[in-house]
N, C-alpha and C. Protein backbone atom coordinates (compact mmCIF):
# COMPACT_ATOMS: atom_id res chain seq x y z
N MET A 1 18.69 7.09 -9.84
CA MET A 1 17.28 6.78 -9.79
C MET A 1 17.01 5.50 -10.59
N GLU A 2 16.27 4.61 -9.99
CA GLU A 2 15.99 3.32 -10.61
C GLU A 2 14.94 3.47 -11.70
N GLN A 3 15.20 2.83 -12.84
CA GLN A 3 14.25 2.85 -13.95
C GLN A 3 13.32 1.65 -13.84
N PHE A 4 12.05 1.87 -14.08
CA PHE A 4 11.09 0.80 -14.05
C PHE A 4 10.57 0.55 -15.45
N SER A 5 10.39 -0.72 -15.79
CA SER A 5 9.89 -1.06 -17.12
C SER A 5 8.42 -0.69 -17.24
N THR A 6 7.94 -0.65 -18.46
CA THR A 6 6.54 -0.35 -18.71
C THR A 6 5.66 -1.39 -18.03
N ARG A 7 6.08 -2.64 -18.10
CA ARG A 7 5.31 -3.74 -17.47
C ARG A 7 5.25 -3.55 -15.95
N GLN A 8 6.39 -3.20 -15.34
CA GLN A 8 6.41 -2.95 -13.90
C GLN A 8 5.45 -1.82 -13.53
N ASN A 9 5.48 -0.76 -14.31
CA ASN A 9 4.59 0.38 -14.03
C ASN A 9 3.12 -0.01 -14.16
N LYS A 10 2.79 -0.81 -15.18
CA LYS A 10 1.41 -1.25 -15.36
C LYS A 10 0.95 -2.11 -14.19
N ILE A 11 1.79 -3.06 -13.79
CA ILE A 11 1.44 -3.94 -12.67
C ILE A 11 1.33 -3.12 -11.39
N SER A 12 2.25 -2.17 -11.20
CA SER A 12 2.20 -1.31 -10.00
C SER A 12 0.89 -0.55 -9.92
N ARG A 13 0.48 0.04 -11.04
CA ARG A 13 -0.78 0.79 -11.07
C ARG A 13 -1.97 -0.12 -10.82
N LEU A 14 -1.94 -1.32 -11.42
CA LEU A 14 -3.03 -2.28 -11.23
C LEU A 14 -3.13 -2.69 -9.76
N VAL A 15 -1.99 -3.04 -9.16
CA VAL A 15 -1.97 -3.45 -7.75
C VAL A 15 -2.42 -2.29 -6.87
N GLN A 16 -1.95 -1.07 -7.18
CA GLN A 16 -2.33 0.09 -6.37
C GLN A 16 -3.84 0.32 -6.41
N ARG A 17 -4.41 0.24 -7.58
CA ARG A 17 -5.85 0.46 -7.73
C ARG A 17 -6.65 -0.61 -6.96
N GLU A 18 -6.26 -1.86 -7.13
CA GLU A 18 -6.99 -2.94 -6.47
C GLU A 18 -6.76 -2.94 -4.96
N MET A 19 -5.53 -2.64 -4.51
CA MET A 19 -5.26 -2.58 -3.07
C MET A 19 -6.04 -1.45 -2.42
N ALA A 20 -6.18 -0.34 -3.12
CA ALA A 20 -6.97 0.78 -2.58
C ALA A 20 -8.41 0.31 -2.35
N ASP A 21 -8.94 -0.46 -3.29
CA ASP A 21 -10.31 -0.96 -3.17
C ASP A 21 -10.42 -1.98 -2.03
N ILE A 22 -9.45 -2.88 -1.93
CA ILE A 22 -9.45 -3.89 -0.86
C ILE A 22 -9.38 -3.21 0.51
N LEU A 23 -8.49 -2.22 0.64
CA LEU A 23 -8.35 -1.52 1.91
C LEU A 23 -9.58 -0.68 2.23
N LEU A 24 -10.25 -0.19 1.21
CA LEU A 24 -11.50 0.55 1.42
C LEU A 24 -12.55 -0.37 2.04
N GLN A 25 -12.63 -1.61 1.54
CA GLN A 25 -13.57 -2.59 2.11
C GLN A 25 -13.21 -2.90 3.56
N LEU A 26 -11.90 -3.07 3.84
CA LEU A 26 -11.44 -3.31 5.21
C LEU A 26 -11.76 -2.12 6.10
N ASN A 27 -11.55 -0.94 5.55
CA ASN A 27 -11.76 0.30 6.29
C ASN A 27 -13.22 0.42 6.74
N LYS A 28 -14.13 0.04 5.87
CA LYS A 28 -15.56 0.14 6.20
C LYS A 28 -15.91 -0.78 7.36
N SER A 29 -15.26 -1.96 7.41
CA SER A 29 -15.63 -2.92 8.45
C SER A 29 -14.80 -2.78 9.73
N LYS A 30 -13.51 -2.46 9.62
CA LYS A 30 -12.63 -2.50 10.80
C LYS A 30 -12.15 -1.15 11.30
N TYR A 31 -11.82 -0.26 10.38
CA TYR A 31 -11.10 0.96 10.76
C TYR A 31 -11.92 2.21 10.53
N GLN A 32 -13.17 2.21 10.96
CA GLN A 32 -14.01 3.38 10.74
C GLN A 32 -13.42 4.60 11.43
N GLY A 33 -13.46 5.73 10.73
CA GLY A 33 -12.93 6.97 11.28
C GLY A 33 -11.46 7.16 11.00
N LYS A 34 -10.85 6.19 10.31
CA LYS A 34 -9.44 6.30 9.95
C LYS A 34 -9.32 6.23 8.44
N LEU A 35 -8.36 6.95 7.92
CA LEU A 35 -8.16 7.00 6.48
C LEU A 35 -6.91 6.22 6.11
N ILE A 36 -7.06 5.20 5.27
CA ILE A 36 -5.92 4.41 4.80
C ILE A 36 -5.86 4.57 3.29
N SER A 37 -4.74 5.06 2.78
CA SER A 37 -4.61 5.18 1.34
C SER A 37 -3.30 4.55 0.89
N VAL A 38 -3.32 4.05 -0.33
CA VAL A 38 -2.14 3.43 -0.93
C VAL A 38 -1.42 4.53 -1.70
N SER A 39 -0.26 4.97 -1.17
CA SER A 39 0.41 6.09 -1.81
C SER A 39 1.32 5.64 -2.96
N ILE A 40 2.06 4.54 -2.77
CA ILE A 40 2.98 4.07 -3.81
C ILE A 40 3.00 2.55 -3.80
N VAL A 41 3.10 1.96 -4.98
CA VAL A 41 3.36 0.52 -5.09
C VAL A 41 4.57 0.36 -6.00
N ARG A 42 5.57 -0.37 -5.52
CA ARG A 42 6.76 -0.67 -6.32
C ARG A 42 6.83 -2.19 -6.50
N VAL A 43 6.92 -2.62 -7.75
CA VAL A 43 7.00 -4.04 -8.06
C VAL A 43 8.43 -4.35 -8.50
N THR A 44 9.00 -5.46 -8.00
CA THR A 44 10.36 -5.85 -8.38
C THR A 44 10.40 -6.25 -9.86
N LYS A 45 11.60 -6.28 -10.42
CA LYS A 45 11.76 -6.59 -11.85
C LYS A 45 11.14 -7.92 -12.24
N ASP A 46 11.25 -8.91 -11.36
CA ASP A 46 10.69 -10.23 -11.68
C ASP A 46 9.21 -10.36 -11.31
N MET A 47 8.62 -9.26 -10.87
CA MET A 47 7.18 -9.18 -10.54
C MET A 47 6.79 -10.07 -9.36
N SER A 48 7.76 -10.50 -8.56
CA SER A 48 7.44 -11.44 -7.49
C SER A 48 7.09 -10.75 -6.17
N ILE A 49 7.50 -9.50 -6.00
CA ILE A 49 7.24 -8.77 -4.76
C ILE A 49 6.65 -7.40 -5.08
N ALA A 50 5.59 -7.05 -4.38
CA ALA A 50 5.01 -5.71 -4.48
C ALA A 50 5.19 -5.04 -3.13
N ARG A 51 5.92 -3.95 -3.12
CA ARG A 51 6.10 -3.16 -1.89
C ARG A 51 5.04 -2.06 -1.89
N ILE A 52 4.17 -2.13 -0.90
CA ILE A 52 3.01 -1.23 -0.85
C ILE A 52 3.20 -0.25 0.29
N TYR A 53 3.19 1.04 -0.04
CA TYR A 53 3.36 2.09 0.96
C TYR A 53 2.00 2.68 1.29
N LEU A 54 1.66 2.64 2.57
CA LEU A 54 0.36 3.11 3.03
C LEU A 54 0.49 4.41 3.79
N SER A 55 -0.44 5.29 3.54
CA SER A 55 -0.54 6.52 4.30
C SER A 55 -1.77 6.38 5.20
N ILE A 56 -1.56 6.49 6.51
CA ILE A 56 -2.65 6.27 7.46
C ILE A 56 -2.87 7.55 8.27
N PHE A 57 -4.13 7.96 8.33
CA PHE A 57 -4.49 9.16 9.09
C PHE A 57 -5.63 8.83 10.03
N PRO A 58 -5.61 9.21 11.27
CA PRO A 58 -4.54 9.90 11.98
C PRO A 58 -3.33 8.97 12.20
N SER A 59 -2.15 9.55 12.11
CA SER A 59 -0.91 8.77 12.07
C SER A 59 -0.59 8.05 13.37
N GLU A 60 -1.21 8.43 14.49
CA GLU A 60 -0.92 7.72 15.75
C GLU A 60 -1.42 6.27 15.72
N TYR A 61 -2.32 5.95 14.79
CA TYR A 61 -2.82 4.58 14.66
C TYR A 61 -2.04 3.77 13.62
N SER A 62 -1.07 4.39 12.96
CA SER A 62 -0.42 3.73 11.83
C SER A 62 0.28 2.43 12.20
N ALA A 63 1.01 2.39 13.31
CA ALA A 63 1.72 1.16 13.69
C ALA A 63 0.75 0.03 13.98
N GLU A 64 -0.32 0.35 14.69
CA GLU A 64 -1.33 -0.65 15.04
C GLU A 64 -2.02 -1.20 13.79
N ILE A 65 -2.42 -0.32 12.89
CA ILE A 65 -3.11 -0.73 11.67
C ILE A 65 -2.17 -1.50 10.76
N LEU A 66 -0.93 -1.04 10.63
CA LEU A 66 0.04 -1.73 9.78
C LEU A 66 0.28 -3.15 10.28
N SER A 67 0.44 -3.33 11.58
CA SER A 67 0.68 -4.68 12.10
C SER A 67 -0.53 -5.58 11.86
N GLU A 68 -1.74 -5.04 11.96
CA GLU A 68 -2.94 -5.82 11.70
C GLU A 68 -3.03 -6.20 10.22
N ILE A 69 -2.66 -5.27 9.35
CA ILE A 69 -2.68 -5.55 7.91
C ILE A 69 -1.63 -6.63 7.59
N LYS A 70 -0.45 -6.52 8.22
CA LYS A 70 0.59 -7.53 7.99
C LYS A 70 0.14 -8.91 8.44
N LEU A 71 -0.63 -8.99 9.54
CA LEU A 71 -1.16 -10.27 10.00
C LEU A 71 -2.14 -10.87 8.99
N ASN A 72 -2.82 -10.02 8.25
CA ASN A 72 -3.82 -10.46 7.27
C ASN A 72 -3.30 -10.47 5.84
N THR A 73 -1.98 -10.41 5.67
CA THR A 73 -1.38 -10.33 4.33
C THR A 73 -1.82 -11.49 3.44
N LYS A 74 -1.88 -12.69 4.00
CA LYS A 74 -2.24 -13.87 3.20
C LYS A 74 -3.65 -13.72 2.62
N ALA A 75 -4.60 -13.30 3.45
CA ALA A 75 -5.99 -13.12 2.99
C ALA A 75 -6.08 -11.98 1.98
N ILE A 76 -5.33 -10.91 2.23
CA ILE A 76 -5.33 -9.76 1.31
C ILE A 76 -4.75 -10.16 -0.04
N ARG A 77 -3.67 -10.96 -0.01
CA ARG A 77 -3.05 -11.43 -1.26
C ARG A 77 -4.03 -12.33 -2.01
N GLY A 78 -4.77 -13.16 -1.28
CA GLY A 78 -5.78 -14.01 -1.91
C GLY A 78 -6.86 -13.19 -2.60
N ASP A 79 -7.31 -12.15 -1.93
CA ASP A 79 -8.32 -11.25 -2.50
C ASP A 79 -7.75 -10.56 -3.75
N LEU A 80 -6.51 -10.11 -3.65
CA LEU A 80 -5.85 -9.48 -4.79
C LEU A 80 -5.75 -10.46 -5.96
N GLY A 81 -5.42 -11.72 -5.64
CA GLY A 81 -5.31 -12.74 -6.67
C GLY A 81 -6.60 -12.95 -7.43
N HIS A 82 -7.73 -12.94 -6.71
CA HIS A 82 -9.03 -13.08 -7.37
C HIS A 82 -9.30 -11.91 -8.30
N ARG A 83 -8.82 -10.73 -7.94
CA ARG A 83 -9.09 -9.53 -8.73
C ARG A 83 -8.19 -9.39 -9.95
N ILE A 84 -6.89 -9.74 -9.80
CA ILE A 84 -5.95 -9.49 -10.90
C ILE A 84 -5.40 -10.78 -11.53
N GLY A 85 -5.92 -11.92 -11.11
CA GLY A 85 -5.41 -13.20 -11.57
C GLY A 85 -5.40 -13.37 -13.08
N LYS A 86 -6.34 -12.76 -13.77
CA LYS A 86 -6.40 -12.88 -15.23
C LYS A 86 -5.39 -11.97 -15.93
N SER A 87 -4.86 -10.98 -15.19
CA SER A 87 -3.96 -9.99 -15.80
C SER A 87 -2.48 -10.31 -15.59
N VAL A 88 -2.17 -11.14 -14.60
CA VAL A 88 -0.76 -11.42 -14.29
C VAL A 88 -0.56 -12.93 -14.17
N ARG A 89 0.68 -13.37 -14.44
CA ARG A 89 0.99 -14.80 -14.33
C ARG A 89 1.11 -15.23 -12.87
N ILE A 90 1.84 -14.43 -12.09
CA ILE A 90 1.98 -14.75 -10.67
C ILE A 90 1.51 -13.55 -9.84
N ILE A 91 0.86 -13.87 -8.75
CA ILE A 91 0.42 -12.82 -7.83
C ILE A 91 1.63 -12.49 -6.95
N PRO A 92 2.06 -11.24 -6.93
CA PRO A 92 3.26 -10.91 -6.15
C PRO A 92 3.05 -11.07 -4.64
N GLU A 93 4.13 -11.41 -3.96
CA GLU A 93 4.11 -11.38 -2.49
C GLU A 93 3.93 -9.92 -2.10
N LEU A 94 3.23 -9.67 -1.00
CA LEU A 94 2.95 -8.30 -0.59
C LEU A 94 3.79 -7.93 0.63
N GLU A 95 4.41 -6.77 0.55
CA GLU A 95 5.14 -6.20 1.68
C GLU A 95 4.55 -4.82 1.95
N PHE A 96 4.14 -4.59 3.18
CA PHE A 96 3.50 -3.32 3.53
C PHE A 96 4.45 -2.45 4.35
N TYR A 97 4.46 -1.17 4.04
CA TYR A 97 5.27 -0.19 4.74
C TYR A 97 4.43 1.06 4.98
N ILE A 98 4.84 1.83 5.98
CA ILE A 98 4.20 3.12 6.23
C ILE A 98 4.89 4.18 5.37
N ASP A 99 4.09 4.95 4.67
CA ASP A 99 4.61 6.10 3.93
C ASP A 99 4.51 7.29 4.86
N ASP A 100 5.63 7.67 5.44
CA ASP A 100 5.61 8.77 6.42
C ASP A 100 6.01 10.11 5.81
N SER A 101 5.89 10.24 4.50
CA SER A 101 6.29 11.49 3.85
C SER A 101 5.43 12.66 4.31
N LEU A 102 4.14 12.43 4.58
CA LEU A 102 3.29 13.52 5.06
C LEU A 102 3.72 14.00 6.44
N ASP A 103 4.09 13.05 7.31
CA ASP A 103 4.59 13.42 8.64
C ASP A 103 5.90 14.20 8.52
N TYR A 104 6.74 13.77 7.57
CA TYR A 104 8.02 14.43 7.34
C TYR A 104 7.79 15.87 6.87
N ILE A 105 6.88 16.06 5.95
CA ILE A 105 6.56 17.40 5.44
C ILE A 105 6.02 18.27 6.58
N GLU A 106 5.14 17.70 7.39
CA GLU A 106 4.59 18.43 8.53
C GLU A 106 5.70 18.84 9.51
N HIS A 107 6.64 17.94 9.74
CA HIS A 107 7.78 18.22 10.63
C HIS A 107 8.64 19.36 10.08
N ILE A 108 8.89 19.33 8.77
CA ILE A 108 9.69 20.40 8.15
C ILE A 108 8.94 21.72 8.24
N ASP A 109 7.62 21.71 8.01
CA ASP A 109 6.82 22.93 8.16
C ASP A 109 6.91 23.49 9.57
N ASP A 110 6.85 22.59 10.57
CA ASP A 110 6.97 23.02 11.97
C ASP A 110 8.32 23.68 12.22
N LEU A 111 9.38 23.05 11.69
CA LEU A 111 10.72 23.60 11.88
C LEU A 111 10.87 24.96 11.22
N LEU A 112 10.31 25.08 10.02
CA LEU A 112 10.40 26.35 9.29
C LEU A 112 9.56 27.44 9.96
N GLY A 113 8.50 27.03 10.65
CA GLY A 113 7.64 27.97 11.34
C GLY A 113 8.27 28.57 12.58
N LYS A 114 9.31 27.91 13.11
CA LYS A 114 9.96 28.38 14.35
C LYS A 114 10.92 29.52 14.08
């Protein structure tokens, strides 16, 4: 298991909190009726990359929403920079992924139910 420094954990929590707020604003304007939440943020040791795992419900829209978010990464990073610019030296590059752990749990429940 990889150990994360205190600084990495602080930056991860900060990015997670701000990304949740940014996505909430996007959700209100673009994705009404869909739930997008930031489940995990992992920041690299050099703080240059933030890997953001999103949980999207209903999950059948996840690929479509993820690709749209990836197209808007530059604008999202700019918004993040305005929010956390005073707290960090460099704004990390953003990488978005789908967190499919809920789907996995549901699949295991289905298998166990049979």
